[in-house]
Each structure stands twice: as structure tokens, then as C-alpha cells.
Amino acid sequence: MIGKISGTLEYRSTDHVLIDVRGVGYMVYCSDRTLAAMPAAGEAVALYTDLLVREDLLQLFGFGSLFEKEWHRLLMSVQGIGAKASLAILGTLGAEGVSRAVTLGDVAAIKAAKGVGPKTAQRVVIELKDKAPEIMALGGSLSNAMATATGETAQSAPEEGDAVLEDPAHAPVTPGGASGASGSAAAASMSVQADALSALGNLGYSPSDAATAVAQAAGEDPEADTATLIRTALKLLAPKG
């Protein structure tokens, strides 16, 4: 498997980019959000990737963060969701938005993605709701891996079994990843939510209840630190009446 690709951006199309790695061009399909965050042609770029292998087709899909990549893999496990629909959902909501929508059971948010009908959106929520806490809990380790991959280009941290294609002559930028202000904010948010989820789990709350409370609290205050997120989540979990 190819877990990450790093090189020079040759061109950007409506649904894919071409990345030159040591003279070999790789066509990588991305969500609208990832495409929008791409640097200009001729600049260095890096994407975490997932390779789709079929009898008559090999396709690379690129992601600005490991968090987005993991959600793509989960979405693809749902019946009726192919790569195109998965990228549409991620492009509409972003990885954090997908995490929040699934955790809170927000079918309407999933349905807002192009080509996703109400029945499919409902299936996404039903099938992935119990898996969402696992991805949220990985937030801290995923953001650390992203930081490592950005800071040490030649020693990135792909998943086990994944290969890394990169051009060491460049210092690539990962769209939406750990580099830049927006990337740092996203990585910090992932880590904060993971820490809050862990704390609530230690207090005895179930992963599902904790994830729902953390997702709701994070939606109300995206810039909340861990302590604030925990306090807000505890209020939401407190018995009513």
C-alpha cells in the first residue's frame, strides 16, 4: 500500500491533482476541501493516501490529515458509499464535521453531501455511530503522527504496511495537516477532543455517551481547551431534572 506521497504539484483539476515524485507523476483524487487547500502548481506538497485496488483499476485517494483518511476508510465500509460519495461527504463537512455528525446522529448533515440520499445518510449514521468514538480517541496519536511526518519529511510515520513516496529535495506542505495555522488548529482540536474523551471514560462514562457529549461541546465551542471541553461535556451528561 502507498500510505503517503510527497513531491511537486504539477496541476490541480476539479477532482484530482498530479504530483511529480522524482519524475513519475501520480494522479491523486481528493475531496473539495483538500483540493482547495493545495499550494500553487510547482510547489511542494504531501498527502496521506489510500490505494483502491480493483481488477481493472488502481486509484490513489489523497487526504490532508490522517484523521480524514481514517474517516474515508470508515465511510467506504458502509454499503452504498463508494470513494466518490466518501469524498463528497468529507468535502462538504470536513473530517471533524463528519465525526460530529455521525456521533450526534445528524442525518441531515450527511445528506447535504452531493449524491448522498436520505437512506444512505441514515445508514452511515447507524453503521458508524458506534465506531466514531474509536476515531475520536485516536485524535491525539493521529495529530502527533501528523506533526512527526511534517517535521521529519524523510522519516514520516505511515501506517504499518504502507509505503511512502517522496522527493527528499522538497519540504512539502500537507494541506489541512499539521503545517500552517489552520492545520495546527485542527491537530490541536483533535488532540483536545481525544483527551476529553479519555477523561470521561476514566470517570466511567460509556464511549458512546462520552463521544456524543464531547462532539456536542466541541461544536458549541470549537476553540475550547481540554478542561473547558470536559466541564461542558459533564454538564451535558448530568441527569436532567
C-alpha atoms as a PDB file:
ATOM      1  CA  MET A   1       0.000   0.000   0.000  1.00  0.00           C
ATOM      2  CA  ILE A   2       1.021   3.600  -0.572  1.00  0.00           C
ATOM      3  CA  GLY A   3       0.410   5.473   2.687  1.00  0.00           C
ATOM      4  CA  LYS A   4       1.843   8.876   1.825  1.00  0.00           C
ATOM      5  CA  ILE A   5       3.032  10.707  -1.256  1.00  0.00           C
ATOM      6  CA  SER A   6       5.306  13.735  -1.294  1.00  0.00           C
ATOM      7  CA  GLY A   7       6.569  15.697  -4.286  1.00  0.00           C
ATOM      8  CA  THR A   8       5.836  18.658  -6.562  1.00  0.00           C
ATOM      9  CA  LEU A   9       2.305  19.687  -7.518  1.00  0.00           C
ATOM     10  CA  GLU A  10       2.111  19.605 -11.323  1.00  0.00           C
ATOM     11  CA  TYR A  11      -1.517  20.637 -11.735  1.00  0.00           C
ATOM     12  CA  ARG A  12      -4.867  20.641  -9.959  1.00  0.00           C
ATOM     13  CA  SER A  13      -8.100  19.540 -11.656  1.00  0.00           C
ATOM     14  CA  THR A  14     -11.686  19.565 -10.405  1.00  0.00           C
ATOM     15  CA  ASP A  15     -11.386  16.251  -8.572  1.00  0.00           C
ATOM     16  CA  HIS A  16      -7.693  15.295  -8.582  1.00  0.00           C
ATOM     17  CA  VAL A  17      -4.122  16.521  -8.602  1.00  0.00           C
ATOM     18  CA  LEU A  18      -0.988  15.318 -10.349  1.00  0.00           C
ATOM     19  CA  ILE A  19       2.049  15.056  -8.079  1.00  0.00           C
ATOM     20  CA  ASP A  20       5.526  14.578  -9.509  1.00  0.00           C
ATOM     21  CA  VAL A  21       7.740  12.311  -7.424  1.00  0.00           C
ATOM     22  CA  ARG A  22      11.248  12.025  -8.855  1.00  0.00           C
ATOM     23  CA  GLY A  23       9.993  12.276 -12.409  1.00  0.00           C
ATOM     24  CA  VAL A  24       6.978   9.984 -12.007  1.00  0.00           C
ATOM     25  CA  GLY A  25       3.533  11.607 -11.979  1.00  0.00           C
ATOM     26  CA  TYR A  26       0.872  10.250  -9.612  1.00  0.00           C
ATOM     27  CA  MET A  27      -2.788  11.136 -10.092  1.00  0.00           C
ATOM     28  CA  VAL A  28      -4.418  11.519  -6.680  1.00  0.00           C
ATOM     29  CA  TYR A  29      -8.156  12.071  -6.144  1.00  0.00           C
ATOM     30  CA  CYS A  30      -9.128  14.390  -3.277  1.00  0.00           C
ATOM     31  CA  SER A  31     -12.137  15.991  -1.610  1.00  0.00           C
ATOM     32  CA  ASP A  32     -13.071  19.581  -2.461  1.00  0.00           C
ATOM     33  CA  ARG A  33     -11.667  20.782   0.875  1.00  0.00           C
ATOM     34  CA  THR A  34      -8.317  19.116   0.321  1.00  0.00           C
ATOM     35  CA  LEU A  35      -8.129  20.454  -3.233  1.00  0.00           C
ATOM     36  CA  ALA A  36      -8.923  23.979  -2.037  1.00  0.00           C
ATOM     37  CA  ALA A  37      -6.049  23.826   0.454  1.00  0.00           C
ATOM     38  CA  MET A  38      -3.466  22.835  -2.157  1.00  0.00           C
ATOM     39  CA  PRO A  39      -0.496  25.123  -2.817  1.00  0.00           C
ATOM     40  CA  ALA A  40       0.194  26.614  -6.252  1.00  0.00           C
ATOM     41  CA  ALA A  41       1.487  24.491  -9.112  1.00  0.00           C
ATOM     42  CA  GLY A  42       5.222  23.957  -8.882  1.00  0.00           C
ATOM     43  CA  GLU A  43       5.264  23.961  -5.076  1.00  0.00           C
ATOM     44  CA  ALA A  44       5.988  21.008  -2.808  1.00  0.00           C
ATOM     45  CA  VAL A  45       3.051  19.091  -1.402  1.00  0.00           C
ATOM     46  CA  ALA A  46       2.387  15.942   0.647  1.00  0.00           C
ATOM     47  CA  LEU A  47      -0.754  13.858   1.023  1.00  0.00           C
ATOM     48  CA  TYR A  48      -1.666  10.835   3.111  1.00  0.00           C
ATOM     49  CA  THR A  49      -3.069   8.296   0.682  1.00  0.00           C
ATOM     50  CA  ASP A  50      -5.275   5.259   0.353  1.00  0.00           C
ATOM     51  CA  LEU A  51      -4.945   2.938  -2.649  1.00  0.00           C
ATOM     52  CA  LEU A  52      -8.076   1.419  -4.156  1.00  0.00           C
ATOM     53  CA  VAL A  53      -7.289  -1.816  -5.988  1.00  0.00           C
ATOM     54  CA  ARG A  54      -9.719  -3.434  -8.408  1.00  0.00           C
ATOM     55  CA  GLU A  55      -9.302  -5.876 -11.265  1.00  0.00           C
ATOM     56  CA  ASP A  56      -9.433  -3.125 -13.878  1.00  0.00           C
ATOM     57  CA  LEU A  57      -8.499  -0.071 -11.818  1.00  0.00           C
ATOM     58  CA  LEU A  58      -5.894   1.385  -9.472  1.00  0.00           C
ATOM     59  CA  GLN A  59      -6.809   4.700  -7.861  1.00  0.00           C
ATOM     60  CA  LEU A  60      -4.998   6.808  -5.272  1.00  0.00           C
ATOM     61  CA  PHE A  61      -7.032   8.957  -2.910  1.00  0.00           C
ATOM     62  CA  GLY A  62      -5.323  11.757  -1.022  1.00  0.00           C
ATOM     63  CA  PHE A  63      -6.043  13.362   2.347  1.00  0.00           C
ATOM     64  CA  GLY A  64      -4.717  16.385   4.166  1.00  0.00           C
ATOM     65  CA  SER A  65      -4.739  14.601   7.522  1.00  0.00           C
ATOM     66  CA  LEU A  66      -4.688  11.089   8.948  1.00  0.00           C
ATOM     67  CA  PHE A  67      -7.999  11.905  10.619  1.00  0.00           C
ATOM     68  CA  GLU A  68      -9.596  12.498   7.194  1.00  0.00           C
ATOM     69  CA  LYS A  69      -8.028   9.304   5.857  1.00  0.00           C
ATOM     70  CA  GLU A  70      -9.431   7.202   8.705  1.00  0.00           C
ATOM     71  CA  TRP A  71     -12.916   8.613   8.163  1.00  0.00           C
ATOM     72  CA  HIS A  72     -12.658   7.845   4.460  1.00  0.00           C
ATOM     73  CA  ARG A  73     -11.896   4.224   5.285  1.00  0.00           C
ATOM     74  CA  LEU A  74     -14.866   4.032   7.651  1.00  0.00           C
ATOM     75  CA  LEU A  75     -17.231   5.670   5.175  1.00  0.00           C
ATOM     76  CA  MET A  76     -16.129   3.240   2.470  1.00  0.00           C
ATOM     77  CA  SER A  77     -17.162   0.352   4.721  1.00  0.00           C
ATOM     78  CA  VAL A  78     -20.806   1.446   4.559  1.00  0.00           C
ATOM     79  CA  GLN A  79     -22.969  -0.221   1.915  1.00  0.00           C
ATOM     80  CA  GLY A  80     -23.799   2.265  -0.816  1.00  0.00           C
ATOM     81  CA  ILE A  81     -20.834   4.531  -0.081  1.00  0.00           C
ATOM     82  CA  GLY A  82     -18.095   4.401  -2.682  1.00  0.00           C
ATOM     83  CA  ALA A  83     -14.995   6.527  -2.973  1.00  0.00           C
ATOM     84  CA  LYS A  84     -16.843   9.324  -4.779  1.00  0.00           C
ATOM     85  CA  ALA A  85     -19.560   9.564  -2.128  1.00  0.00           C
ATOM     86  CA  SER A  86     -16.995   9.403   0.674  1.00  0.00           C
ATOM     87  CA  LEU A  87     -15.019  12.301  -0.797  1.00  0.00           C
ATOM     88  CA  ALA A  88     -18.270  14.234  -1.288  1.00  0.00           C
ATOM     89  CA  ILE A  89     -19.149  13.829   2.396  1.00  0.00           C
ATOM     90  CA  LEU A  90     -15.648  14.778   3.533  1.00  0.00           C
ATOM     91  CA  GLY A  91     -15.609  17.717   1.131  1.00  0.00           C
ATOM     92  CA  THR A  92     -18.915  19.007   2.480  1.00  0.00           C
ATOM     93  CA  LEU A  93     -18.326  18.514   6.203  1.00  0.00           C
ATOM     94  CA  GLY A  94     -14.601  18.004   6.716  1.00  0.00           C
ATOM     95  CA  ALA A  95     -13.283  15.176   8.875  1.00  0.00           C
ATOM     96  CA  GLU A  96     -14.271  16.836  12.156  1.00  0.00           C
ATOM     97  CA  GLY A  97     -17.703  17.641  10.771  1.00  0.00           C
ATOM     98  CA  VAL A  98     -18.238  14.028   9.750  1.00  0.00           C
ATOM     99  CA  SER A  99     -17.133  12.878  13.190  1.00  0.00           C
ATOM    100  CA  ARG A 100     -19.570  15.263  14.863  1.00  0.00           C
ATOM    101  CA  ALA A 101     -22.476  14.459  12.507  1.00  0.00           C
ATOM    102  CA  VAL A 102     -22.100  10.701  12.937  1.00  0.00           C
ATOM    103  CA  THR A 103     -21.676  10.926  16.703  1.00  0.00           C
ATOM    104  CA  LEU A 104     -24.712  13.188  17.126  1.00  0.00           C
ATOM    105  CA  GLY A 105     -26.820  11.245  14.629  1.00  0.00           C
ATOM    106  CA  ASP A 106     -27.166  14.250  12.325  1.00  0.00           C
ATOM    107  CA  VAL A 107     -28.509  12.557   9.193  1.00  0.00           C
ATOM    108  CA  ALA A 108     -29.341  15.910   7.569  1.00  0.00           C
ATOM    109  CA  ALA A 109     -25.685  16.979   7.674  1.00  0.00           C
ATOM    110  CA  ILE A 110     -24.561  13.775   5.920  1.00  0.00           C
ATOM    111  CA  LYS A 111     -27.381  14.100   3.388  1.00  0.00           C
ATOM    112  CA  ALA A 112     -26.124  17.577   2.441  1.00  0.00           C
ATOM    113  CA  ALA A 113     -23.261  15.958   0.513  1.00  0.00           C
ATOM    114  CA  LYS A 114     -23.785  15.744  -3.235  1.00  0.00           C
ATOM    115  CA  GLY A 115     -25.101  12.362  -4.372  1.00  0.00           C
ATOM    116  CA  VAL A 116     -25.951  11.107  -0.878  1.00  0.00           C
ATOM    117  CA  GLY A 117     -29.629  10.317  -0.384  1.00  0.00           C
ATOM    118  CA  PRO A 118     -31.564  10.174   2.905  1.00  0.00           C
ATOM    119  CA  LYS A 119     -31.479   6.370   3.189  1.00  0.00           C
ATOM    120  CA  THR A 120     -27.728   6.246   2.568  1.00  0.00           C
ATOM    121  CA  ALA A 121     -27.117   9.083   5.019  1.00  0.00           C
ATOM    122  CA  GLN A 122     -29.153   7.253   7.653  1.00  0.00           C
ATOM    123  CA  ARG A 123     -27.169   4.080   7.008  1.00  0.00           C
ATOM    124  CA  VAL A 124     -23.907   5.981   7.521  1.00  0.00           C
ATOM    125  CA  VAL A 125     -25.054   7.223  10.919  1.00  0.00           C
ATOM    126  CA  ILE A 126     -26.446   3.854  12.037  1.00  0.00           C
ATOM    127  CA  GLU A 127     -23.441   1.792  10.942  1.00  0.00           C
ATOM    128  CA  LEU A 128     -20.706   4.180  12.078  1.00  0.00           C
ATOM    129  CA  LYS A 129     -22.122   5.696  15.267  1.00  0.00           C
ATOM    130  CA  ASP A 130     -20.556   3.005  17.459  1.00  0.00           C
ATOM    131  CA  LYS A 131     -17.223   3.317  15.618  1.00  0.00           C
ATOM    132  CA  ALA A 132     -16.962   7.103  15.883  1.00  0.00           C
ATOM    133  CA  PRO A 133     -15.625   7.090  19.475  1.00  0.00           C
ATOM    134  CA  GLU A 134     -12.683   4.946  18.347  1.00  0.00           C
ATOM    135  CA  ILE A 135     -11.645   7.516  15.729  1.00  0.00           C
ATOM    136  CA  MET A 136     -12.148  10.397  18.171  1.00  0.00           C
ATOM    137  CA  ALA A 137      -9.991   8.571  20.730  1.00  0.00           C
ATOM    138  CA  LEU A 138      -7.225   8.289  18.126  1.00  0.00           C
ATOM    139  CA  GLY A 139      -7.165  12.061  17.703  1.00  0.00           C
ATOM    140  CA  GLY A 140      -4.116  12.637  19.886  1.00  0.00           C
ATOM    141  CA  SER A 141      -1.980   9.912  18.339  1.00  0.00           C
ATOM    142  CA  LEU A 142      -3.042  10.876  14.808  1.00  0.00           C
ATOM    143  CA  SER A 143      -2.132  14.535  15.343  1.00  0.00           C
ATOM    144  CA  ASN A 144       1.235  13.510  16.806  1.00  0.00           C
ATOM    145  CA  ALA A 145       1.895  11.313  13.785  1.00  0.00           C
ATOM    146  CA  MET A 146       0.981  14.213  11.509  1.00  0.00           C
ATOM    147  CA  ALA A 147       3.396  16.503  13.329  1.00  0.00           C
ATOM    148  CA  THR A 148       6.153  13.906  13.053  1.00  0.00           C
ATOM    149  CA  ALA A 149       5.514  13.395   9.353  1.00  0.00           C
ATOM    150  CA  THR A 150       5.592  17.152   8.713  1.00  0.00           C
ATOM    151  CA  GLY A 151       8.651  17.902  10.809  1.00  0.00           C
ATOM    152  CA  GLU A 152      10.694  14.939   9.603  1.00  0.00           C
ATOM    153  CA  THR A 153       9.969  14.518   5.904  1.00  0.00           C
ATOM    154  CA  ALA A 154      12.439  11.707   5.402  1.00  0.00           C
ATOM    155  CA  GLN A 155      11.132   9.821   8.434  1.00  0.00           C
ATOM    156  CA  SER A 156       7.374  10.103   8.141  1.00  0.00           C
ATOM    157  CA  ALA A 157       5.051   7.824  10.102  1.00  0.00           C
ATOM    158  CA  PRO A 158       2.810   5.885   7.713  1.00  0.00           C
ATOM    159  CA  GLU A 159       0.613   3.048   8.867  1.00  0.00           C
ATOM    160  CA  GLU A 160       2.135  -0.388   9.081  1.00  0.00           C
ATOM    161  CA  GLY A 161       2.339  -1.959   5.640  1.00  0.00           C
ATOM    162  CA  ASP A 162       2.085   1.389   3.845  1.00  0.00           C
ATOM    163  CA  ALA A 163       4.854   2.756   1.643  1.00  0.00           C
ATOM    164  CA  VAL A 164       5.970   6.381   1.415  1.00  0.00           C
ATOM    165  CA  LEU A 165       6.638   8.002  -1.939  1.00  0.00           C
ATOM    166  CA  GLU A 166       8.532  11.238  -1.527  1.00  0.00           C
ATOM    167  CA  ASP A 167      11.065  13.586  -3.023  1.00  0.00           C
ATOM    168  CA  PRO A 168      13.625  14.450  -0.313  1.00  0.00           C
ATOM    169  CA  ALA A 169      14.690  17.581  -2.197  1.00  0.00           C
ATOM    170  CA  HIS A 170      11.455  19.294  -1.172  1.00  0.00           C
ATOM    171  CA  ALA A 171       9.959  20.402   2.121  1.00  0.00           C
ATOM    172  CA  PRO A 172       6.308  19.557   1.395  1.00  0.00           C
ATOM    173  CA  VAL A 173       3.190  21.147   2.811  1.00  0.00           C
ATOM    174  CA  THR A 174       0.349  18.839   3.856  1.00  0.00           C
ATOM    175  CA  PRO A 175      -2.994  20.538   3.009  1.00  0.00           C
ATOM    176  CA  GLY A 176      -5.099  20.740   6.143  1.00  0.00           C
ATOM    177  CA  GLY A 177      -2.470  18.780   8.040  1.00  0.00           C
ATOM    178  CA  ALA A 178      -0.134  19.710  10.853  1.00  0.00           C
ATOM    179  CA  SER A 179       1.539  22.566   8.968  1.00  0.00           C
ATOM    180  CA  GLY A 180       0.183  26.102   8.921  1.00  0.00           C
ATOM    181  CA  ALA A 181      -2.237  27.885  11.234  1.00  0.00           C
ATOM    182  CA  SER A 182      -5.384  26.029  10.165  1.00  0.00           C
ATOM    183  CA  GLY A 183      -3.576  22.696  10.247  1.00  0.00           C
ATOM    184  CA  SER A 184      -2.209  23.339  13.731  1.00  0.00           C
ATOM    185  CA  ALA A 185      -5.671  24.318  14.951  1.00  0.00           C
ATOM    186  CA  ALA A 186      -7.196  21.135  13.502  1.00  0.00           C
ATOM    187  CA  ALA A 187      -4.498  18.956  15.061  1.00  0.00           C
ATOM    188  CA  ALA A 188      -4.946  20.703  18.416  1.00  0.00           C
ATOM    189  CA  SER A 189      -8.722  20.223  18.280  1.00  0.00           C
ATOM    190  CA  MET A 190      -8.306  16.522  17.546  1.00  0.00           C
ATOM    191  CA  SER A 191      -5.926  16.125  20.478  1.00  0.00           C
ATOM    192  CA  VAL A 192      -8.165  18.081  22.871  1.00  0.00           C
ATOM    193  CA  GLN A 193     -11.224  16.017  21.984  1.00  0.00           C
ATOM    194  CA  ALA A 194      -9.268  12.782  22.394  1.00  0.00           C
ATOM    195  CA  ASP A 195      -8.040  13.885  25.842  1.00  0.00           C
ATOM    196  CA  ALA A 196     -11.557  14.871  26.919  1.00  0.00           C
ATOM    197  CA  LEU A 197     -12.934  11.552  25.692  1.00  0.00           C
ATOM    198  CA  SER A 198     -10.275   9.677  27.647  1.00  0.00           C
ATOM    199  CA  ALA A 199     -11.022  11.664  30.814  1.00  0.00           C
ATOM    200  CA  LEU A 200     -14.748  10.966  30.576  1.00  0.00           C
ATOM    201  CA  GLY A 201     -14.025   7.289  30.002  1.00  0.00           C
ATOM    202  CA  ASN A 202     -11.918   7.242  33.167  1.00  0.00           C
ATOM    203  CA  LEU A 203     -14.901   8.707  35.012  1.00  0.00           C
ATOM    204  CA  GLY A 204     -16.997   5.730  33.972  1.00  0.00           C
ATOM    205  CA  TYR A 205     -18.970   7.087  31.030  1.00  0.00           C
ATOM    206  CA  SER A 206     -19.527   4.791  28.072  1.00  0.00           C
ATOM    207  CA  PRO A 207     -17.607   5.568  24.863  1.00  0.00           C
ATOM    208  CA  SER A 208     -20.855   6.368  23.046  1.00  0.00           C
ATOM    209  CA  ASP A 209     -22.184   8.768  25.713  1.00  0.00           C
ATOM    210  CA  ALA A 210     -18.781  10.408  26.147  1.00  0.00           C
ATOM    211  CA  ALA A 211     -18.289  10.853  22.396  1.00  0.00           C
ATOM    212  CA  THR A 212     -21.750  12.388  21.981  1.00  0.00           C
ATOM    213  CA  ALA A 213     -21.141  14.879  24.789  1.00  0.00           C
ATOM    214  CA  VAL A 214     -17.645  15.798  23.553  1.00  0.00           C
ATOM    215  CA  ALA A 215     -18.865  16.232  19.965  1.00  0.00           C
ATOM    216  CA  GLN A 216     -21.697  18.486  21.082  1.00  0.00           C
ATOM    217  CA  ALA A 217     -19.423  20.507  23.371  1.00  0.00           C
ATOM    218  CA  ALA A 218     -16.810  20.903  20.638  1.00  0.00           C
ATOM    219  CA  GLY A 219     -19.484  22.047  18.214  1.00  0.00           C
ATOM    220  CA  GLU A 220     -20.623  24.744  20.633  1.00  0.00           C
ATOM    221  CA  ASP A 221     -17.070  25.947  21.329  1.00  0.00           C
ATOM    222  CA  PRO A 222     -14.540  24.797  18.694  1.00  0.00           C
ATOM    223  CA  GLU A 223     -11.670  26.618  20.442  1.00  0.00           C
ATOM    224  CA  ALA A 224     -12.288  25.129  23.905  1.00  0.00           C
ATOM    225  CA  ASP A 225      -9.310  23.648  25.744  1.00  0.00           C
ATOM    226  CA  THR A 226      -9.427  20.205  27.329  1.00  0.00           C
ATOM    227  CA  ALA A 227     -10.612  21.376  30.755  1.00  0.00           C
ATOM    228  CA  THR A 228     -13.403  23.503  29.270  1.00  0.00           C
ATOM    229  CA  LEU A 229     -14.484  20.695  26.981  1.00  0.00           C
ATOM    230  CA  ILE A 230     -14.649  18.254  29.894  1.00  0.00           C
ATOM    231  CA  ARG A 231     -16.685  20.669  32.037  1.00  0.00           C
ATOM    232  CA  THR A 232     -19.153  21.325  29.227  1.00  0.00           C
ATOM    233  CA  ALA A 233     -19.433  17.618  28.415  1.00  0.00           C
ATOM    234  CA  LEU A 234     -20.095  16.792  32.084  1.00  0.00           C
ATOM    235  CA  LYS A 235     -22.941  19.305  32.166  1.00  0.00           C
ATOM    236  CA  LEU A 236     -24.433  17.683  29.092  1.00  0.00           C
ATOM    237  CA  LEU A 237     -24.088  14.241  30.687  1.00  0.00           C
ATOM    238  CA  ALA A 238     -25.562  15.312  34.014  1.00  0.00           C
ATOM    239  CA  PRO A 239     -29.024  13.859  34.811  1.00  0.00           C
ATOM    240  CA  LYS A 240     -31.805  16.213  33.758  1.00  0.00           C
ATOM    241  CA  GLY A 241     -34.406  17.376  36.245  1.00  0.00           C
END
